[in-house]
Amino acid sequence: MTSRPVPAHAPRPLIRDMTIDDCEAVARVRVRGWQSAYAGLMPQAHLDAMDVAADAERRRGFFTEAGAVVNVVAERPGPGVVGWAAYGPYREDGRRLARGEVYAIYVLPEQTGTGVGRALMAEVLTRAAAAGHPDVALWVLKENAPARRFYERAGFRPDGAEEPFDVDGVAVPEVRYVRPLSPPAGG
């Protein structure tokens, strides 16, 4: 299937809460996002083995679990769901902290540079501030320069923390980025 690039001046996508019916579309976004963004940064065999149906089943399982994870999707007329983000409390040593954490933010590769990622990030940051998080952290592959530029443009900065992420026995280094949040207006 060939996709035509979306013009950079495309209208802002609709951002809404994810529903269980979105699990397959979110899995497609996640799998294609990983395969595009992480090519050359982690074992190709791992990326090639990613399966949308299996990922959709995991998404359904995660979605039905009660918890503090907030999932939002971006959609456009025609293609439907074109991006996904998830955030919640920062997790450290099995504890949840006051800090928020962006667990995931992915867009379909043909949507890169069209404002979908920016719209998802703006929604996550607004919701995290409204939830009272003083700041938000995220982990990004150290060698993923495009993602690091995206996060830096969104106001995130590396704080010096670094950890390996194990992918099929290969240690892929990640760095932590943090962004302070302003309290909600009137709060």
N, C-alpha and C. Protein backbone atom coordinates (compact mmCIF):
# COMPACT_ATOMS: atom_id res chain seq x y z
N MET A 1 0.85 -1.17 0.00
CA MET A 1 0.00 0.00 0.00
C MET A 1 0.89 1.23 0.00
N THR A 2 0.65 2.15 -0.89
CA THR A 2 1.42 3.39 -0.95
C THR A 2 0.62 4.50 -0.30
N SER A 3 1.30 5.28 0.48
CA SER A 3 0.64 6.41 1.14
C SER A 3 1.16 7.70 0.55
N ARG A 4 0.25 8.59 0.29
CA ARG A 4 0.68 9.92 -0.16
C ARG A 4 1.05 10.74 1.06
N PRO A 5 2.12 11.51 0.98
CA PRO A 5 2.47 12.35 2.13
C PRO A 5 1.35 13.35 2.41
N VAL A 6 1.17 13.63 3.68
CA VAL A 6 0.18 14.61 4.10
C VAL A 6 0.84 15.98 4.00
N PRO A 7 0.17 16.95 3.37
CA PRO A 7 0.78 18.28 3.28
C PRO A 7 1.05 18.86 4.67
N ALA A 8 2.16 19.56 4.79
CA ALA A 8 2.53 20.16 6.08
C ALA A 8 1.47 21.14 6.57
N HIS A 9 0.66 21.69 5.67
CA HIS A 9 -0.38 22.65 6.05
C HIS A 9 -1.72 21.98 6.33
N ALA A 10 -1.71 20.66 6.52
CA ALA A 10 -2.95 19.94 6.80
C ALA A 10 -3.59 20.48 8.07
N PRO A 11 -4.93 20.46 8.15
CA PRO A 11 -5.60 20.97 9.35
C PRO A 11 -5.20 20.18 10.59
N ARG A 12 -5.30 20.84 11.72
CA ARG A 12 -4.95 20.22 13.00
C ARG A 12 -5.79 18.95 13.19
N PRO A 13 -5.16 17.87 13.63
CA PRO A 13 -5.92 16.63 13.83
C PRO A 13 -6.82 16.75 15.06
N LEU A 14 -7.85 15.94 15.09
CA LEU A 14 -8.72 15.83 16.26
C LEU A 14 -8.00 14.97 17.28
N ILE A 15 -7.87 15.46 18.51
CA ILE A 15 -7.28 14.68 19.60
C ILE A 15 -8.42 14.29 20.52
N ARG A 16 -8.50 13.01 20.84
CA ARG A 16 -9.58 12.53 21.70
C ARG A 16 -9.08 11.35 22.53
N ASP A 17 -9.87 11.00 23.55
CA ASP A 17 -9.54 9.83 24.36
C ASP A 17 -9.62 8.58 23.49
N MET A 18 -8.69 7.69 23.72
CA MET A 18 -8.68 6.41 23.03
C MET A 18 -9.83 5.56 23.58
N THR A 19 -10.43 4.76 22.70
CA THR A 19 -11.44 3.78 23.11
C THR A 19 -10.90 2.38 22.81
N ILE A 20 -11.54 1.38 23.34
CA ILE A 20 -11.11 0.01 23.07
C ILE A 20 -11.19 -0.31 21.58
N ASP A 21 -12.11 0.35 20.88
CA ASP A 21 -12.24 0.13 19.43
C ASP A 21 -11.05 0.67 18.65
N ASP A 22 -10.22 1.47 19.29
CA ASP A 22 -9.03 2.04 18.63
C ASP A 22 -7.80 1.15 18.74
N CYS A 23 -7.89 0.04 19.46
CA CYS A 23 -6.70 -0.76 19.76
C CYS A 23 -5.96 -1.22 18.51
N GLU A 24 -6.67 -1.66 17.49
CA GLU A 24 -5.99 -2.12 16.28
C GLU A 24 -5.31 -0.95 15.56
N ALA A 25 -5.99 0.18 15.46
CA ALA A 25 -5.39 1.35 14.81
C ALA A 25 -4.17 1.84 15.59
N VAL A 26 -4.26 1.84 16.92
CA VAL A 26 -3.12 2.26 17.75
C VAL A 26 -1.97 1.27 17.58
N ALA A 27 -2.26 -0.01 17.50
CA ALA A 27 -1.21 -1.01 17.28
C ALA A 27 -0.52 -0.75 15.94
N ARG A 28 -1.29 -0.42 14.91
CA ARG A 28 -0.70 -0.12 13.60
C ARG A 28 0.22 1.10 13.69
N VAL A 29 -0.24 2.14 14.40
CA VAL A 29 0.58 3.34 14.59
C VAL A 29 1.86 2.97 15.33
N ARG A 30 1.74 2.22 16.42
CA ARG A 30 2.91 1.86 17.22
C ARG A 30 3.90 1.02 16.43
N VAL A 31 3.43 -0.04 15.77
CA VAL A 31 4.32 -0.93 15.03
C VAL A 31 4.99 -0.17 13.88
N ARG A 32 4.23 0.54 13.09
CA ARG A 32 4.84 1.28 11.97
C ARG A 32 5.76 2.38 12.49
N GLY A 33 5.38 3.02 13.61
CA GLY A 33 6.23 4.04 14.21
C GLY A 33 7.56 3.46 14.66
N TRP A 34 7.53 2.33 15.35
CA TRP A 34 8.77 1.67 15.77
C TRP A 34 9.61 1.29 14.56
N GLN A 35 8.98 0.65 13.57
CA GLN A 35 9.74 0.17 12.42
C GLN A 35 10.39 1.32 11.66
N SER A 36 9.77 2.47 11.65
CA SER A 36 10.33 3.63 10.97
C SER A 36 11.37 4.35 11.84
N ALA A 37 11.00 4.68 13.06
CA ALA A 37 11.86 5.50 13.92
C ALA A 37 13.09 4.76 14.42
N TYR A 38 12.98 3.44 14.62
CA TYR A 38 14.06 2.71 15.27
C TYR A 38 14.91 1.88 14.31
N ALA A 39 14.66 1.99 13.01
CA ALA A 39 15.49 1.27 12.04
C ALA A 39 16.94 1.74 12.19
N GLY A 40 17.83 0.79 12.35
CA GLY A 40 19.25 1.10 12.53
C GLY A 40 19.63 1.43 13.96
N LEU A 41 18.63 1.55 14.85
CA LEU A 41 18.91 1.88 16.25
C LEU A 41 18.73 0.68 17.18
N MET A 42 18.04 -0.34 16.70
CA MET A 42 17.85 -1.57 17.47
C MET A 42 17.82 -2.72 16.48
N PRO A 43 17.91 -3.95 16.97
CA PRO A 43 17.98 -5.09 16.05
C PRO A 43 16.82 -5.11 15.05
N GLN A 44 17.19 -5.18 13.77
CA GLN A 44 16.19 -5.18 12.70
C GLN A 44 15.27 -6.39 12.81
N ALA A 45 15.80 -7.53 13.25
CA ALA A 45 14.97 -8.74 13.39
C ALA A 45 13.82 -8.48 14.36
N HIS A 46 14.07 -7.72 15.42
CA HIS A 46 13.01 -7.39 16.38
C HIS A 46 11.93 -6.53 15.69
N LEU A 47 12.37 -5.53 14.94
CA LEU A 47 11.42 -4.65 14.25
C LEU A 47 10.62 -5.42 13.21
N ASP A 48 11.30 -6.30 12.46
CA ASP A 48 10.62 -7.08 11.42
C ASP A 48 9.59 -8.04 12.02
N ALA A 49 9.84 -8.51 13.24
CA ALA A 49 8.94 -9.48 13.87
C ALA A 49 7.73 -8.84 14.53
N MET A 50 7.70 -7.52 14.61
CA MET A 50 6.55 -6.86 15.25
C MET A 50 5.28 -7.15 14.46
N ASP A 51 4.21 -7.43 15.17
CA ASP A 51 2.97 -7.86 14.55
C ASP A 51 1.81 -7.00 15.06
N VAL A 52 1.09 -6.40 14.14
CA VAL A 52 -0.01 -5.50 14.51
C VAL A 52 -1.10 -6.25 15.29
N ALA A 53 -1.47 -7.45 14.86
CA ALA A 53 -2.54 -8.19 15.55
C ALA A 53 -2.14 -8.51 16.98
N ALA A 54 -0.91 -8.97 17.18
CA ALA A 54 -0.45 -9.29 18.54
C ALA A 54 -0.37 -8.03 19.39
N ASP A 55 0.10 -6.94 18.81
CA ASP A 55 0.19 -5.69 19.55
C ASP A 55 -1.22 -5.18 19.91
N ALA A 56 -2.16 -5.33 18.99
CA ALA A 56 -3.55 -4.90 19.26
C ALA A 56 -4.12 -5.69 20.44
N GLU A 57 -3.81 -6.97 20.51
CA GLU A 57 -4.30 -7.79 21.62
C GLU A 57 -3.70 -7.31 22.94
N ARG A 58 -2.40 -6.96 22.93
CA ARG A 58 -1.77 -6.40 24.15
C ARG A 58 -2.41 -5.08 24.51
N ARG A 59 -2.68 -4.23 23.52
CA ARG A 59 -3.33 -2.93 23.79
C ARG A 59 -4.69 -3.16 24.46
N ARG A 60 -5.46 -4.14 23.97
CA ARG A 60 -6.76 -4.42 24.58
C ARG A 60 -6.60 -4.81 26.04
N GLY A 61 -5.60 -5.64 26.32
CA GLY A 61 -5.34 -6.06 27.70
C GLY A 61 -4.96 -4.88 28.57
N PHE A 62 -4.06 -4.02 28.08
CA PHE A 62 -3.67 -2.83 28.84
C PHE A 62 -4.87 -1.92 29.04
N PHE A 63 -5.67 -1.78 28.01
CA PHE A 63 -6.78 -0.83 28.03
C PHE A 63 -7.83 -1.22 29.07
N THR A 64 -8.05 -2.51 29.24
CA THR A 64 -9.09 -2.95 30.17
C THR A 64 -8.61 -2.98 31.62
N GLU A 65 -7.29 -2.89 31.84
CA GLU A 65 -6.77 -2.84 33.20
C GLU A 65 -7.08 -1.48 33.81
N ALA A 66 -7.54 -1.49 35.04
CA ALA A 66 -7.75 -0.22 35.73
C ALA A 66 -6.38 0.38 36.03
N GLY A 67 -6.25 1.66 35.89
CA GLY A 67 -4.96 2.27 36.16
C GLY A 67 -4.99 3.75 35.87
N ALA A 68 -3.82 4.35 36.04
CA ALA A 68 -3.71 5.79 35.89
C ALA A 68 -3.19 6.20 34.52
N VAL A 69 -3.10 5.26 33.58
CA VAL A 69 -2.59 5.59 32.25
C VAL A 69 -3.67 6.28 31.44
N VAL A 70 -3.31 7.40 30.82
CA VAL A 70 -4.21 8.14 29.95
C VAL A 70 -3.73 7.91 28.51
N ASN A 71 -4.63 7.43 27.66
CA ASN A 71 -4.34 7.20 26.24
C ASN A 71 -5.17 8.15 25.40
N VAL A 72 -4.51 8.85 24.48
CA VAL A 72 -5.21 9.72 23.55
C VAL A 72 -4.77 9.38 22.13
N VAL A 73 -5.66 9.61 21.19
CA VAL A 73 -5.35 9.37 19.78
C VAL A 73 -5.56 10.66 18.99
N ALA A 74 -4.87 10.71 17.87
CA ALA A 74 -5.05 11.79 16.91
C ALA A 74 -5.68 11.16 15.68
N GLU A 75 -6.70 11.82 15.15
CA GLU A 75 -7.30 11.29 13.92
C GLU A 75 -7.54 12.40 12.93
N ARG A 76 -7.54 11.97 11.68
CA ARG A 76 -7.82 12.87 10.56
C ARG A 76 -8.92 12.24 9.71
N PRO A 77 -9.71 13.07 9.04
CA PRO A 77 -10.71 12.52 8.12
C PRO A 77 -10.01 11.68 7.05
N GLY A 78 -10.55 10.54 6.76
CA GLY A 78 -9.95 9.67 5.75
C GLY A 78 -9.15 8.55 6.40
N PRO A 79 -7.91 8.83 6.79
CA PRO A 79 -7.11 7.73 7.36
C PRO A 79 -7.52 7.31 8.76
N GLY A 80 -8.27 8.14 9.47
CA GLY A 80 -8.67 7.79 10.84
C GLY A 80 -7.55 8.07 11.82
N VAL A 81 -7.29 7.09 12.71
CA VAL A 81 -6.27 7.28 13.75
C VAL A 81 -4.89 7.31 13.09
N VAL A 82 -4.16 8.41 13.33
CA VAL A 82 -2.84 8.59 12.73
C VAL A 82 -1.75 8.80 13.78
N GLY A 83 -2.14 8.85 15.07
CA GLY A 83 -1.17 9.03 16.13
C GLY A 83 -1.74 8.60 17.46
N TRP A 84 -0.84 8.36 18.42
CA TRP A 84 -1.25 7.88 19.74
C TRP A 84 -0.23 8.33 20.77
N ALA A 85 -0.72 8.68 21.94
CA ALA A 85 0.16 9.01 23.06
C ALA A 85 -0.43 8.44 24.33
N ALA A 86 0.46 8.09 25.27
CA ALA A 86 0.03 7.58 26.58
C ALA A 86 0.91 8.22 27.64
N TYR A 87 0.30 8.60 28.75
CA TYR A 87 1.06 9.15 29.86
C TYR A 87 0.38 8.78 31.17
N GLY A 88 1.11 9.00 32.25
CA GLY A 88 0.59 8.74 33.59
C GLY A 88 1.65 9.11 34.60
N PRO A 89 1.53 8.60 35.82
CA PRO A 89 2.53 8.90 36.84
C PRO A 89 3.88 8.28 36.48
N TYR A 90 4.95 8.95 36.87
CA TYR A 90 6.30 8.45 36.64
C TYR A 90 6.49 7.19 37.47
N ARG A 91 7.08 6.16 36.88
CA ARG A 91 7.31 4.89 37.55
C ARG A 91 8.80 4.75 37.85
N GLU A 92 9.10 4.47 39.11
CA GLU A 92 10.50 4.27 39.51
C GLU A 92 10.54 3.25 40.64
N ASP A 93 11.29 2.19 40.41
CA ASP A 93 11.43 1.13 41.42
C ASP A 93 10.07 0.63 41.91
N GLY A 94 9.12 0.48 41.00
CA GLY A 94 7.80 -0.02 41.36
C GLY A 94 6.89 0.99 42.03
N ARG A 95 7.36 2.21 42.22
CA ARG A 95 6.55 3.25 42.84
C ARG A 95 6.11 4.26 41.79
N ARG A 96 5.00 4.91 42.06
CA ARG A 96 4.52 6.00 41.21
C ARG A 96 4.81 7.30 41.93
N LEU A 97 5.42 8.22 41.22
CA LEU A 97 5.83 9.49 41.81
C LEU A 97 4.90 10.62 41.37
N ALA A 98 5.07 11.80 41.96
CA ALA A 98 4.25 12.96 41.60
C ALA A 98 4.52 13.40 40.17
N ARG A 99 5.73 13.18 39.71
CA ARG A 99 6.11 13.54 38.34
C ARG A 99 5.26 12.73 37.36
N GLY A 100 4.93 13.33 36.23
CA GLY A 100 4.26 12.61 35.16
C GLY A 100 5.29 11.99 34.23
N GLU A 101 4.83 11.06 33.41
CA GLU A 101 5.72 10.43 32.44
C GLU A 101 4.97 10.21 31.13
N VAL A 102 5.59 10.61 30.03
CA VAL A 102 5.07 10.26 28.71
C VAL A 102 5.60 8.87 28.42
N TYR A 103 4.70 7.89 28.38
CA TYR A 103 5.09 6.51 28.15
C TYR A 103 5.30 6.24 26.67
N ALA A 104 4.51 6.89 25.83
CA ALA A 104 4.59 6.63 24.39
C ALA A 104 3.99 7.79 23.63
N ILE A 105 4.59 8.09 22.49
CA ILE A 105 3.99 9.02 21.53
C ILE A 105 4.51 8.62 20.15
N TYR A 106 3.58 8.20 19.30
CA TYR A 106 3.93 7.73 17.96
C TYR A 106 2.94 8.27 16.95
N VAL A 107 3.43 8.50 15.74
CA VAL A 107 2.57 8.87 14.62
C VAL A 107 2.93 7.98 13.44
N LEU A 108 1.99 7.82 12.54
CA LEU A 108 2.29 7.08 11.32
C LEU A 108 3.43 7.80 10.59
N PRO A 109 4.36 7.06 10.01
CA PRO A 109 5.52 7.71 9.37
C PRO A 109 5.15 8.79 8.36
N GLU A 110 4.08 8.58 7.59
CA GLU A 110 3.70 9.59 6.59
C GLU A 110 3.07 10.83 7.22
N GLN A 111 2.81 10.80 8.52
CA GLN A 111 2.25 11.94 9.24
C GLN A 111 3.33 12.78 9.94
N THR A 112 4.57 12.29 9.92
CA THR A 112 5.67 13.03 10.55
C THR A 112 5.79 14.41 9.93
N GLY A 113 5.90 15.42 10.77
CA GLY A 113 6.07 16.79 10.29
C GLY A 113 4.77 17.50 9.93
N THR A 114 3.62 16.89 10.24
CA THR A 114 2.33 17.48 9.87
C THR A 114 1.59 18.08 11.06
N GLY A 115 2.19 18.05 12.24
CA GLY A 115 1.55 18.61 13.42
C GLY A 115 0.86 17.61 14.32
N VAL A 116 0.81 16.34 13.91
CA VAL A 116 0.14 15.33 14.72
C VAL A 116 0.88 15.14 16.05
N GLY A 117 2.18 14.96 15.99
CA GLY A 117 2.97 14.78 17.22
C GLY A 117 2.87 15.99 18.13
N ARG A 118 2.94 17.18 17.55
CA ARG A 118 2.83 18.41 18.36
C ARG A 118 1.46 18.49 19.04
N ALA A 119 0.40 18.14 18.31
CA ALA A 119 -0.95 18.19 18.89
C ALA A 119 -1.10 17.16 20.01
N LEU A 120 -0.56 15.96 19.82
CA LEU A 120 -0.61 14.95 20.87
C LEU A 120 0.17 15.40 22.10
N MET A 121 1.37 15.95 21.87
CA MET A 121 2.19 16.40 23.00
C MET A 121 1.50 17.54 23.74
N ALA A 122 0.91 18.48 23.03
CA ALA A 122 0.21 19.60 23.67
C ALA A 122 -0.93 19.07 24.56
N GLU A 123 -1.66 18.09 24.07
CA GLU A 123 -2.76 17.50 24.85
C GLU A 123 -2.24 16.80 26.10
N VAL A 124 -1.19 16.02 25.96
CA VAL A 124 -0.60 15.31 27.10
C VAL A 124 -0.11 16.31 28.14
N LEU A 125 0.59 17.35 27.71
CA LEU A 125 1.12 18.33 28.66
C LEU A 125 0.00 19.08 29.36
N THR A 126 -1.05 19.43 28.64
CA THR A 126 -2.20 20.11 29.25
C THR A 126 -2.86 19.22 30.30
N ARG A 127 -3.07 17.96 29.96
CA ARG A 127 -3.71 17.04 30.89
C ARG A 127 -2.81 16.75 32.10
N ALA A 128 -1.51 16.62 31.87
CA ALA A 128 -0.59 16.35 32.98
C ALA A 128 -0.55 17.54 33.94
N ALA A 129 -0.56 18.75 33.42
CA ALA A 129 -0.59 19.95 34.28
C ALA A 129 -1.90 19.99 35.07
N ALA A 130 -3.02 19.70 34.39
CA ALA A 130 -4.33 19.72 35.06
C ALA A 130 -4.40 18.64 36.15
N ALA A 131 -3.67 17.55 35.97
CA ALA A 131 -3.65 16.48 36.97
C ALA A 131 -2.73 16.81 38.15
N GLY A 132 -2.02 17.94 38.05
CA GLY A 132 -1.18 18.39 39.16
C GLY A 132 0.26 17.92 39.13
N HIS A 133 0.69 17.31 38.02
CA HIS A 133 2.10 16.89 37.94
C HIS A 133 2.99 18.14 37.86
N PRO A 134 4.06 18.20 38.68
CA PRO A 134 4.94 19.37 38.63
C PRO A 134 5.81 19.41 37.38
N ASP A 135 6.10 18.22 36.85
CA ASP A 135 6.88 18.12 35.62
C ASP A 135 6.56 16.79 34.96
N VAL A 136 7.10 16.62 33.77
CA VAL A 136 6.87 15.39 33.01
C VAL A 136 8.23 14.91 32.50
N ALA A 137 8.45 13.62 32.58
CA ALA A 137 9.67 13.01 32.07
C ALA A 137 9.31 12.02 30.96
N LEU A 138 10.30 11.65 30.19
CA LEU A 138 10.15 10.62 29.17
C LEU A 138 11.53 10.04 28.91
N TRP A 139 11.55 8.85 28.35
CA TRP A 139 12.79 8.19 27.96
C TRP A 139 12.81 8.09 26.44
N VAL A 140 13.97 8.38 25.86
CA VAL A 140 14.12 8.36 24.40
C VAL A 140 15.44 7.67 24.08
N LEU A 141 15.46 6.92 22.97
CA LEU A 141 16.71 6.29 22.56
C LEU A 141 17.77 7.36 22.34
N LYS A 142 18.93 7.13 22.92
CA LYS A 142 20.01 8.12 22.87
C LYS A 142 20.36 8.51 21.43
N GLU A 143 20.35 7.56 20.52
CA GLU A 143 20.75 7.83 19.13
C GLU A 143 19.59 8.28 18.24
N ASN A 144 18.40 8.47 18.79
CA ASN A 144 17.24 8.89 18.00
C ASN A 144 17.21 10.41 17.92
N ALA A 145 18.06 10.96 17.07
CA ALA A 145 18.20 12.42 16.96
C ALA A 145 16.90 13.12 16.57
N PRO A 146 16.11 12.60 15.61
CA PRO A 146 14.86 13.30 15.28
C PRO A 146 13.90 13.40 16.47
N ALA A 147 13.77 12.32 17.23
CA ALA A 147 12.88 12.35 18.40
C ALA A 147 13.42 13.32 19.45
N ARG A 148 14.71 13.31 19.66
CA ARG A 148 15.30 14.22 20.65
C ARG A 148 15.06 15.67 20.25
N ARG A 149 15.18 15.99 18.96
CA ARG A 149 14.88 17.37 18.50
C ARG A 149 13.41 17.71 18.75
N PHE A 150 12.52 16.76 18.47
CA PHE A 150 11.09 16.97 18.69
C PHE A 150 10.83 17.30 20.16
N TYR A 151 11.40 16.51 21.07
CA TYR A 151 11.19 16.74 22.50
C TYR A 151 11.80 18.06 22.95
N GLU A 152 12.96 18.39 22.42
CA GLU A 152 13.60 19.67 22.79
C GLU A 152 12.75 20.85 22.33
N ARG A 153 12.15 20.75 21.13
CA ARG A 153 11.26 21.83 20.66
C ARG A 153 10.02 21.94 21.54
N ALA A 154 9.63 20.83 22.19
CA ALA A 154 8.47 20.84 23.10
C ALA A 154 8.85 21.27 24.51
N GLY A 155 10.10 21.68 24.71
CA GLY A 155 10.52 22.20 26.01
C GLY A 155 11.18 21.19 26.94
N PHE A 156 11.40 19.98 26.48
CA PHE A 156 12.07 18.96 27.29
C PHE A 156 13.58 19.15 27.20
N ARG A 157 14.28 18.78 28.27
CA ARG A 157 15.74 18.84 28.32
C ARG A 157 16.26 17.56 28.97
N PRO A 158 17.41 17.05 28.48
CA PRO A 158 17.99 15.87 29.14
C PRO A 158 18.44 16.26 30.54
N ASP A 159 18.25 15.33 31.50
CA ASP A 159 18.65 15.64 32.88
C ASP A 159 19.88 14.84 33.31
N GLY A 160 20.49 14.12 32.38
CA GLY A 160 21.71 13.37 32.68
C GLY A 160 21.49 11.90 32.99
N ALA A 161 20.24 11.49 33.24
CA ALA A 161 19.97 10.08 33.51
C ALA A 161 20.04 9.28 32.22
N GLU A 162 20.64 8.11 32.31
CA GLU A 162 20.76 7.23 31.14
C GLU A 162 20.62 5.79 31.61
N GLU A 163 19.89 4.99 30.85
CA GLU A 163 19.70 3.57 31.18
C GLU A 163 19.67 2.76 29.89
N PRO A 164 20.13 1.51 29.96
CA PRO A 164 20.00 0.66 28.78
C PRO A 164 18.59 0.09 28.69
N PHE A 165 18.11 -0.05 27.48
CA PHE A 165 16.82 -0.67 27.18
C PHE A 165 17.17 -1.96 26.45
N ASP A 166 16.76 -3.11 26.99
CA ASP A 166 17.14 -4.38 26.40
C ASP A 166 16.18 -4.76 25.28
N VAL A 167 16.74 -4.97 24.09
CA VAL A 167 15.95 -5.40 22.93
C VAL A 167 16.61 -6.67 22.40
N ASP A 168 15.98 -7.80 22.66
CA ASP A 168 16.49 -9.09 22.21
C ASP A 168 17.95 -9.30 22.60
N GLY A 169 18.27 -8.94 23.84
CA GLY A 169 19.62 -9.14 24.34
C GLY A 169 20.62 -8.07 23.97
N VAL A 170 20.17 -7.05 23.25
CA VAL A 170 21.05 -5.94 22.87
C VAL A 170 20.68 -4.73 23.74
N ALA A 171 21.67 -4.16 24.39
CA ALA A 171 21.44 -2.97 25.22
C ALA A 171 21.39 -1.74 24.32
N VAL A 172 20.25 -1.09 24.30
CA VAL A 172 20.06 0.13 23.51
C VAL A 172 19.94 1.28 24.52
N PRO A 173 20.90 2.22 24.52
CA PRO A 173 20.87 3.27 25.55
C PRO A 173 19.72 4.26 25.35
N GLU A 174 19.08 4.60 26.48
CA GLU A 174 18.04 5.62 26.51
C GLU A 174 18.49 6.75 27.43
N VAL A 175 18.04 7.94 27.15
CA VAL A 175 18.29 9.09 28.01
C VAL A 175 16.95 9.65 28.47
N ARG A 176 16.95 10.22 29.67
CA ARG A 176 15.72 10.79 30.21
C ARG A 176 15.68 12.29 29.92
N TYR A 177 14.52 12.73 29.50
CA TYR A 177 14.23 14.15 29.28
C TYR A 177 13.16 14.57 30.27
N VAL A 178 13.21 15.82 30.73
CA VAL A 178 12.24 16.34 31.69
C VAL A 178 11.79 17.72 31.25
N ARG A 179 10.54 18.03 31.52
CA ARG A 179 9.97 19.35 31.22
C ARG A 179 9.12 19.78 32.41
N PRO A 180 9.41 20.98 32.97
CA PRO A 180 8.53 21.48 34.04
C PRO A 180 7.16 21.84 33.47
N LEU A 181 6.15 21.75 34.31
CA LEU A 181 4.79 22.11 33.92
C LEU A 181 4.33 23.31 34.73
N SER A 182 3.53 24.13 34.11
CA SER A 182 2.91 25.25 34.83
C SER A 182 1.61 24.75 35.44
N PRO A 183 1.29 25.23 36.64
CA PRO A 183 0.00 24.83 37.21
C PRO A 183 -1.13 25.34 36.31
N PRO A 184 -2.27 24.64 36.31
CA PRO A 184 -3.39 25.08 35.49
C PRO A 184 -3.84 26.50 35.88
N ALA A 185 -4.33 27.23 34.89
CA ALA A 185 -4.81 28.59 35.14
C ALA A 185 -5.92 28.56 36.19
N GLY A 186 -5.87 29.50 37.10
CA GLY A 186 -6.88 29.59 38.15
C GLY A 186 -6.64 28.61 39.27
N GLY A 187 -5.48 27.87 39.22
CA GLY A 187 -5.24 26.84 40.22
C GLY A 187 -4.28 27.25 41.22
